Amino acid sequence: MTTHAPVWDYLRSSIRAHRLAGTVDHRVGVVLDEYVGHMARCVEARQVTLSEGLAAANAAVVAAGRLFPIPEDRLEPR
């Protein structure tokens, strides 16, 4: 397993915090978390620059703060 810079861990932990707080739909939070990890791997492989990777990962964190949980139909009274 490759160790990435602490900034990637911070960004992923921010998304995890949104998931645990319930401020983002849990299914979307998992995808955004994986996206940040993917960007870290892309930067490491030099497919994108560090600036591009951090900007994209930050956009995922911002999205996590803006995407609210969607209530499921089966939990709503009929």
PDB file of N, CA and C in Angstrom:
ATOM      1  N   MET A   1       0.841  -1.179   0.000  1.00  0.00           N
ATOM      2  CA  MET A   1       0.000   0.000   0.000  1.00  0.00           C
ATOM      3  C   MET A   1       0.882   1.236   0.000  1.00  0.00           C
ATOM      4  N   THR A   2       0.554   2.169  -0.863  1.00  0.00           N
ATOM      5  CA  THR A   2       1.323   3.395  -0.998  1.00  0.00           C
ATOM      6  C   THR A   2       0.833   4.428   0.007  1.00  0.00           C
ATOM      7  N   THR A   3       1.783   5.126   0.600  1.00  0.00           N
ATOM      8  CA  THR A   3       1.445   6.207   1.521  1.00  0.00           C
ATOM      9  C   THR A   3       1.466   7.522   0.754  1.00  0.00           C
ATOM     10  N   HIS A   4       0.406   8.288   0.883  1.00  0.00           N
ATOM     11  CA  HIS A   4       0.307   9.570   0.200  1.00  0.00           C
ATOM     12  C   HIS A   4       0.522  10.693   1.203  1.00  0.00           C
ATOM     13  N   ALA A   5       0.640  11.890   0.687  1.00  0.00           N
ATOM     14  CA  ALA A   5       0.843  13.067   1.532  1.00  0.00           C
ATOM     15  C   ALA A   5      -0.336  13.244   2.487  1.00  0.00           C
ATOM     16  N   PRO A   6      -0.094  13.823   3.654  1.00  0.00           N
ATOM     17  CA  PRO A   6      -1.162  14.000   4.647  1.00  0.00           C
ATOM     18  C   PRO A   6      -2.359  14.796   4.137  1.00  0.00           C
ATOM     19  N   VAL A   7      -2.157  15.645   3.133  1.00  0.00           N
ATOM     20  CA  VAL A   7      -3.283  16.437   2.630  1.00  0.00           C
ATOM     21  C   VAL A   7      -4.362  15.526   2.051  1.00  0.00           C
ATOM     22  N   TRP A   8      -3.983  14.428   1.441  1.00  0.00           N
ATOM     23  CA  TRP A   8      -4.972  13.493   0.884  1.00  0.00           C
ATOM     24  C   TRP A   8      -5.763  12.841   2.006  1.00  0.00           C
ATOM     25  N   ASP A   9      -5.074  12.479   3.088  1.00  0.00           N
ATOM     26  CA  ASP A   9      -5.765  11.898   4.248  1.00  0.00           C
ATOM     27  C   ASP A   9      -6.744  12.903   4.847  1.00  0.00           C
ATOM     28  N   TYR A  10      -6.325  14.157   4.897  1.00  0.00           N
ATOM     29  CA  TYR A  10      -7.205  15.205   5.439  1.00  0.00           C
ATOM     30  C   TYR A  10      -8.462  15.350   4.585  1.00  0.00           C
ATOM     31  N   LEU A  11      -8.295  15.381   3.260  1.00  0.00           N
ATOM     32  CA  LEU A  11      -9.446  15.536   2.373  1.00  0.00           C
ATOM     33  C   LEU A  11     -10.392  14.343   2.501  1.00  0.00           C
ATOM     34  N   ARG A  12      -9.829  13.139   2.572  1.00  0.00           N
ATOM     35  CA  ARG A  12     -10.672  11.947   2.710  1.00  0.00           C
ATOM     36  C   ARG A  12     -11.368  11.936   4.068  1.00  0.00           C
ATOM     37  N   SER A  13     -10.676  12.394   5.107  1.00  0.00           N
ATOM     38  CA  SER A  13     -11.302  12.407   6.433  1.00  0.00           C
ATOM     39  C   SER A  13     -12.430  13.440   6.492  1.00  0.00           C
ATOM     40  N   SER A  14     -12.307  14.516   5.721  1.00  0.00           N
ATOM     41  CA  SER A  14     -13.393  15.502   5.658  1.00  0.00           C
ATOM     42  C   SER A  14     -14.648  14.882   5.071  1.00  0.00           C
ATOM     43  N   ILE A  15     -14.479  14.098   4.018  1.00  0.00           N
ATOM     44  CA  ILE A  15     -15.633  13.423   3.415  1.00  0.00           C
ATOM     45  C   ILE A  15     -16.199  12.386   4.377  1.00  0.00           C
ATOM     46  N   ARG A  16     -15.339  11.653   5.049  1.00  0.00           N
ATOM     47  CA  ARG A  16     -15.816  10.666   6.031  1.00  0.00           C
ATOM     48  C   ARG A  16     -16.592  11.351   7.150  1.00  0.00           C
ATOM     49  N   ALA A  17     -16.148  12.533   7.550  1.00  0.00           N
ATOM     50  CA  ALA A  17     -16.861  13.270   8.598  1.00  0.00           C
ATOM     51  C   ALA A  17     -18.263  13.647   8.135  1.00  0.00           C
ATOM     52  N   HIS A  18     -18.387  14.054   6.883  1.00  0.00           N
ATOM     53  CA  HIS A  18     -19.714  14.362   6.338  1.00  0.00           C
ATOM     54  C   HIS A  18     -20.588  13.104   6.329  1.00  0.00           C
ATOM     55  N   ARG A  19     -20.000  11.969   5.970  1.00  0.00           N
ATOM     56  CA  ARG A  19     -20.757  10.717   5.953  1.00  0.00           C
ATOM     57  C   ARG A  19     -21.226  10.340   7.351  1.00  0.00           C
ATOM     58  N   LEU A  20     -20.327  10.433   8.320  1.00  0.00           N
ATOM     59  CA  LEU A  20     -20.672  10.056   9.689  1.00  0.00           C
ATOM     60  C   LEU A  20     -21.696  11.010  10.296  1.00  0.00           C
ATOM     61  N   ALA A  21     -21.625  12.270   9.919  1.00  0.00           N
ATOM     62  CA  ALA A  21     -22.577  13.259  10.438  1.00  0.00           C
ATOM     63  C   ALA A  21     -23.931  13.150   9.750  1.00  0.00           C
ATOM     64  N   GLY A  22     -23.971  12.416   8.644  1.00  0.00           N
ATOM     65  CA  GLY A  22     -25.227  12.269   7.916  1.00  0.00           C
ATOM     66  C   GLY A  22     -25.575  13.466   7.063  1.00  0.00           C
ATOM     67  N   THR A  23     -24.588  14.326   6.773  1.00  0.00           N
ATOM     68  CA  THR A  23     -24.858  15.503   5.963  1.00  0.00           C
ATOM     69  C   THR A  23     -24.704  15.247   4.471  1.00  0.00           C
ATOM     70  N   VAL A  24     -24.273  14.053   4.110  1.00  0.00           N
ATOM     71  CA  VAL A  24     -24.200  13.655   2.703  1.00  0.00           C
ATOM     72  C   VAL A  24     -24.783  12.252   2.605  1.00  0.00           C
ATOM     73  N   ASP A  25     -25.435  11.963   1.507  1.00  0.00           N
ATOM     74  CA  ASP A  25     -25.983  10.626   1.286  1.00  0.00           C
ATOM     75  C   ASP A  25     -24.841   9.617   1.366  1.00  0.00           C
ATOM     76  N   HIS A  26     -25.039   8.548   2.113  1.00  0.00           N
ATOM     77  CA  HIS A  26     -23.947   7.597   2.365  1.00  0.00           C
ATOM     78  C   HIS A  26     -23.423   6.967   1.082  1.00  0.00           C
ATOM     79  N   ARG A  27     -24.285   6.776   0.089  1.00  0.00           N
ATOM     80  CA  ARG A  27     -23.829   6.175  -1.171  1.00  0.00           C
ATOM     81  C   ARG A  27     -22.946   7.139  -1.943  1.00  0.00           C
ATOM     82  N   VAL A  28     -23.264   8.407  -1.903  1.00  0.00           N
ATOM     83  CA  VAL A  28     -22.464   9.411  -2.600  1.00  0.00           C
ATOM     84  C   VAL A  28     -21.147   9.633  -1.868  1.00  0.00           C
ATOM     85  N   GLY A  29     -21.189   9.609  -0.550  1.00  0.00           N
ATOM     86  CA  GLY A  29     -19.977   9.810   0.237  1.00  0.00           C
ATOM     87  C   GLY A  29     -18.904   8.778  -0.067  1.00  0.00           C
ATOM     88  N   VAL A  30     -19.310   7.539  -0.264  1.00  0.00           N
ATOM     89  CA  VAL A  30     -18.355   6.477  -0.585  1.00  0.00           C
ATOM     90  C   VAL A  30     -17.680   6.764  -1.927  1.00  0.00           C
ATOM     91  N   VAL A  31     -18.474   7.201  -2.896  1.00  0.00           N
ATOM     92  CA  VAL A  31     -17.936   7.497  -4.227  1.00  0.00           C
ATOM     93  C   VAL A  31     -16.975   8.686  -4.171  1.00  0.00           C
ATOM     94  N   LEU A  32     -17.343   9.733  -3.448  1.00  0.00           N
ATOM     95  CA  LEU A  32     -16.480  10.905  -3.338  1.00  0.00           C
ATOM     96  C   LEU A  32     -15.182  10.563  -2.616  1.00  0.00           C
ATOM     97  N   ASP A  33     -15.262   9.727  -1.601  1.00  0.00           N
ATOM     98  CA  ASP A  33     -14.069   9.289  -0.882  1.00  0.00           C
ATOM     99  C   ASP A  33     -13.133   8.541  -1.826  1.00  0.00           C
ATOM    100  N   GLU A  34     -13.679   7.649  -2.624  1.00  0.00           N
ATOM    101  CA  GLU A  34     -12.863   6.905  -3.581  1.00  0.00           C
ATOM    102  C   GLU A  34     -12.293   7.827  -4.655  1.00  0.00           C
ATOM    103  N   TYR A  35     -13.048   8.841  -5.041  1.00  0.00           N
ATOM    104  CA  TYR A  35     -12.573   9.802  -6.036  1.00  0.00           C
ATOM    105  C   TYR A  35     -11.319  10.536  -5.542  1.00  0.00           C
ATOM    106  N   VAL A  36     -11.326  10.936  -4.284  1.00  0.00           N
ATOM    107  CA  VAL A  36     -10.151  11.615  -3.721  1.00  0.00           C
ATOM    108  C   VAL A  36      -8.954  10.661  -3.728  1.00  0.00           C
ATOM    109  N   GLY A  37      -9.176   9.413  -3.361  1.00  0.00           N
ATOM    110  CA  GLY A  37      -8.095   8.432  -3.416  1.00  0.00           C
ATOM    111  C   GLY A  37      -7.584   8.222  -4.830  1.00  0.00           C
ATOM    112  N   HIS A  38      -8.499   8.211  -5.785  1.00  0.00           N
ATOM    113  CA  HIS A  38      -8.117   8.059  -7.188  1.00  0.00           C
ATOM    114  C   HIS A  38      -7.266   9.238  -7.652  1.00  0.00           C
ATOM    115  N   MET A  39      -7.640  10.440  -7.236  1.00  0.00           N
ATOM    116  CA  MET A  39      -6.854  11.619  -7.619  1.00  0.00           C
ATOM    117  C   MET A  39      -5.451  11.551  -7.016  1.00  0.00           C
ATOM    118  N   ALA A  40      -5.332  11.050  -5.796  1.00  0.00           N
ATOM    119  CA  ALA A  40      -4.005  10.900  -5.184  1.00  0.00           C
ATOM    120  C   ALA A  40      -3.157   9.931  -6.009  1.00  0.00           C
ATOM    121  N   ARG A  41      -3.771   8.850  -6.457  1.00  0.00           N
ATOM    122  CA  ARG A  41      -3.033   7.887  -7.288  1.00  0.00           C
ATOM    123  C   ARG A  41      -2.667   8.484  -8.643  1.00  0.00           C
ATOM    124  N   CYS A  42      -3.543   9.296  -9.217  1.00  0.00           N
ATOM    125  CA  CYS A  42      -3.254   9.944 -10.503  1.00  0.00           C
ATOM    126  C   CYS A  42      -2.092  10.927 -10.376  1.00  0.00           C
ATOM    127  N   VAL A  43      -2.046  11.652  -9.272  1.00  0.00           N
ATOM    128  CA  VAL A  43      -0.940  12.584  -9.043  1.00  0.00           C
ATOM    129  C   VAL A  43       0.357  11.799  -8.879  1.00  0.00           C
ATOM    130  N   GLU A  44       0.291  10.715  -8.135  1.00  0.00           N
ATOM    131  CA  GLU A  44       1.485   9.896  -7.926  1.00  0.00           C
ATOM    132  C   GLU A  44       2.002   9.318  -9.247  1.00  0.00           C
ATOM    133  N   ALA A  45       1.092   8.942 -10.128  1.00  0.00           N
ATOM    134  CA  ALA A  45       1.467   8.387 -11.431  1.00  0.00           C
ATOM    135  C   ALA A  45       1.770   9.472 -12.453  1.00  0.00           C
ATOM    136  N   ARG A  46       1.678  10.732 -12.034  1.00  0.00           N
ATOM    137  CA  ARG A  46       1.944  11.897 -12.882  1.00  0.00           C
ATOM    138  C   ARG A  46       1.008  11.976 -14.089  1.00  0.00           C
ATOM    139  N   GLN A  47      -0.228  11.511 -13.897  1.00  0.00           N
ATOM    140  CA  GLN A  47      -1.240  11.656 -14.932  1.00  0.00           C
ATOM    141  C   GLN A  47      -1.857  13.048 -14.892  1.00  0.00           C
ATOM    142  N   VAL A  48      -1.876  13.645 -13.717  1.00  0.00           N
ATOM    143  CA  VAL A  48      -2.306  15.028 -13.534  1.00  0.00           C
ATOM    144  C   VAL A  48      -1.297  15.714 -12.621  1.00  0.00           C
ATOM    145  N   THR A  49      -1.280  17.043 -12.657  1.00  0.00           N
ATOM    146  CA  THR A  49      -0.366  17.763 -11.777  1.00  0.00           C
ATOM    147  C   THR A  49      -0.929  17.777 -10.355  1.00  0.00           C
ATOM    148  N   LEU A  50      -0.083  18.121  -9.406  1.00  0.00           N
ATOM    149  CA  LEU A  50      -0.530  18.206  -8.020  1.00  0.00           C
ATOM    150  C   LEU A  50      -1.631  19.248  -7.874  1.00  0.00           C
ATOM    151  N   SER A  51      -1.476  20.371  -8.527  1.00  0.00           N
ATOM    152  CA  SER A  51      -2.494  21.433  -8.442  1.00  0.00           C
ATOM    153  C   SER A  51      -3.835  20.952  -8.980  1.00  0.00           C
ATOM    154  N   GLU A  52      -3.815  20.272 -10.120  1.00  0.00           N
ATOM    155  CA  GLU A  52      -5.058  19.746 -10.698  1.00  0.00           C
ATOM    156  C   GLU A  52      -5.691  18.705  -9.784  1.00  0.00           C
ATOM    157  N   GLY A  53      -4.864  17.831  -9.225  1.00  0.00           N
ATOM    158  CA  GLY A  53      -5.370  16.792  -8.337  1.00  0.00           C
ATOM    159  C   GLY A  53      -5.985  17.359  -7.078  1.00  0.00           C
ATOM    160  N   LEU A  54      -5.317  18.342  -6.480  1.00  0.00           N
ATOM    161  CA  LEU A  54      -5.851  18.942  -5.266  1.00  0.00           C
ATOM    162  C   LEU A  54      -7.118  19.734  -5.546  1.00  0.00           C
ATOM    163  N   ALA A  55      -7.175  20.413  -6.699  1.00  0.00           N
ATOM    164  CA  ALA A  55      -8.386  21.159  -7.049  1.00  0.00           C
ATOM    165  C   ALA A  55      -9.560  20.211  -7.249  1.00  0.00           C
ATOM    166  N   ALA A  56      -9.331  19.089  -7.922  1.00  0.00           N
ATOM    167  CA  ALA A  56     -10.403  18.115  -8.148  1.00  0.00           C
ATOM    168  C   ALA A  56     -10.845  17.473  -6.840  1.00  0.00           C
ATOM    169  N   ALA A  57      -9.888  17.135  -5.979  1.00  0.00           N
ATOM    170  CA  ALA A  57     -10.223  16.525  -4.693  1.00  0.00           C
ATOM    171  C   ALA A  57     -10.968  17.514  -3.799  1.00  0.00           C
ATOM    172  N   ASN A  58     -10.567  18.764  -3.842  1.00  0.00           N
ATOM    173  CA  ASN A  58     -11.264  19.786  -3.062  1.00  0.00           C
ATOM    174  C   ASN A  58     -12.699  19.956  -3.563  1.00  0.00           C
ATOM    175  N   ALA A  59     -12.893  19.852  -4.867  1.00  0.00           N
ATOM    176  CA  ALA A  59     -14.250  19.935  -5.419  1.00  0.00           C
ATOM    177  C   ALA A  59     -15.119  18.794  -4.878  1.00  0.00           C
ATOM    178  N   ALA A  60     -14.526  17.628  -4.682  1.00  0.00           N
ATOM    179  CA  ALA A  60     -15.266  16.500  -4.107  1.00  0.00           C
ATOM    180  C   ALA A  60     -15.659  16.790  -2.662  1.00  0.00           C
ATOM    181  N   VAL A  61     -14.761  17.406  -1.908  1.00  0.00           N
ATOM    182  CA  VAL A  61     -15.067  17.754  -0.515  1.00  0.00           C
ATOM    183  C   VAL A  61     -16.179  18.796  -0.473  1.00  0.00           C
ATOM    184  N   VAL A  62     -16.110  19.784  -1.344  1.00  0.00           N
ATOM    185  CA  VAL A  62     -17.153  20.808  -1.400  1.00  0.00           C
ATOM    186  C   VAL A  62     -18.494  20.171  -1.772  1.00  0.00           C
ATOM    187  N   ALA A  63     -18.467  19.257  -2.719  1.00  0.00           N
ATOM    188  CA  ALA A  63     -19.697  18.562  -3.114  1.00  0.00           C
ATOM    189  C   ALA A  63     -20.272  17.778  -1.942  1.00  0.00           C
ATOM    190  N   ALA A  64     -19.415  17.163  -1.150  1.00  0.00           N
ATOM    191  CA  ALA A  64     -19.890  16.406   0.016  1.00  0.00           C
ATOM    192  C   ALA A  64     -20.629  17.327   0.983  1.00  0.00           C
ATOM    193  N   GLY A  65     -20.196  18.565   1.071  1.00  0.00           N
ATOM    194  CA  GLY A  65     -20.862  19.512   1.954  1.00  0.00           C
ATOM    195  C   GLY A  65     -22.172  20.038   1.397  1.00  0.00           C
ATOM    196  N   ARG A  66     -22.351  19.923   0.092  1.00  0.00           N
ATOM    197  CA  ARG A  66     -23.548  20.478  -0.545  1.00  0.00           C
ATOM    198  C   ARG A  66     -24.602  19.438  -0.895  1.00  0.00           C
ATOM    199  N   LEU A  67     -24.215  18.175  -0.985  1.00  0.00           N
ATOM    200  CA  LEU A  67     -25.161  17.122  -1.363  1.00  0.00           C
ATOM    201  C   LEU A  67     -25.808  16.554  -0.107  1.00  0.00           C
ATOM    202  N   PHE A  68     -27.063  16.861   0.096  1.00  0.00           N
ATOM    203  CA  PHE A  68     -27.752  16.418   1.304  1.00  0.00           C
ATOM    204  C   PHE A  68     -28.299  15.007   1.102  1.00  0.00           C
ATOM    205  N   PRO A  69     -28.540  14.297   2.188  1.00  0.00           N
ATOM    206  CA  PRO A  69     -29.073  12.935   2.079  1.00  0.00           C
ATOM    207  C   PRO A  69     -30.459  12.926   1.440  1.00  0.00           C
ATOM    208  N   ILE A  70     -30.699  11.929   0.622  1.00  0.00           N
ATOM    209  CA  ILE A  70     -31.991  11.776  -0.040  1.00  0.00           C
ATOM    210  C   ILE A  70     -32.813  10.783   0.773  1.00  0.00           C
ATOM    211  N   PRO A  71     -34.000  11.182   1.232  1.00  0.00           N
ATOM    212  CA  PRO A  71     -34.813  10.229   1.996  1.00  0.00           C
ATOM    213  C   PRO A  71     -35.293   9.093   1.087  1.00  0.00           C
ATOM    214  N   GLU A  72     -35.241   7.897   1.612  1.00  0.00           N
ATOM    215  CA  GLU A  72     -35.676   6.741   0.835  1.00  0.00           C
ATOM    216  C   GLU A  72     -37.182   6.587   0.958  1.00  0.00           C
ATOM    217  N   ASP A  73     -37.826   6.187  -0.127  1.00  0.00           N
ATOM    218  CA  ASP A  73     -39.274   6.034  -0.161  1.00  0.00           C
ATOM    219  C   ASP A  73     -39.779   5.042   0.872  1.00  0.00           C
ATOM    220  N   ARG A  74     -39.023   3.993   1.117  1.00  0.00           N
ATOM    221  CA  ARG A  74     -39.519   2.962   2.034  1.00  0.00           C
ATOM    222  C   ARG A  74     -39.578   3.448   3.475  1.00  0.00           C
ATOM    223  N   LEU A  75     -38.893   4.562   3.773  1.00  0.00           N
ATOM    224  CA  LEU A  75     -38.917   5.104   5.126  1.00  0.00           C
ATOM    225  C   LEU A  75     -39.986   6.177   5.298  1.00  0.00           C
ATOM    226  N   GLU A  76     -40.550   6.632   4.205  1.00  0.00           N
ATOM    227  CA  GLU A  76     -41.569   7.687   4.267  1.00  0.00           C
ATOM    228  C   GLU A  76     -42.943   7.070   4.538  1.00  0.00           C
ATOM    229  N   PRO A  77     -43.788   7.730   5.344  1.00  0.00           N
ATOM    230  CA  PRO A  77     -45.141   7.211   5.554  1.00  0.00           C
ATOM    231  C   PRO A  77     -45.942   7.271   4.260  1.00  0.00           C
ATOM    232  N   ARG A  78     -46.796   6.295   4.072  1.00  0.00           N
ATOM    233  CA  ARG A  78     -47.609   6.241   2.839  1.00  0.00           C
ATOM    234  C   ARG A  78     -48.955   6.865   3.060  1.00  0.00           C
TER     235      ARG A  78
END
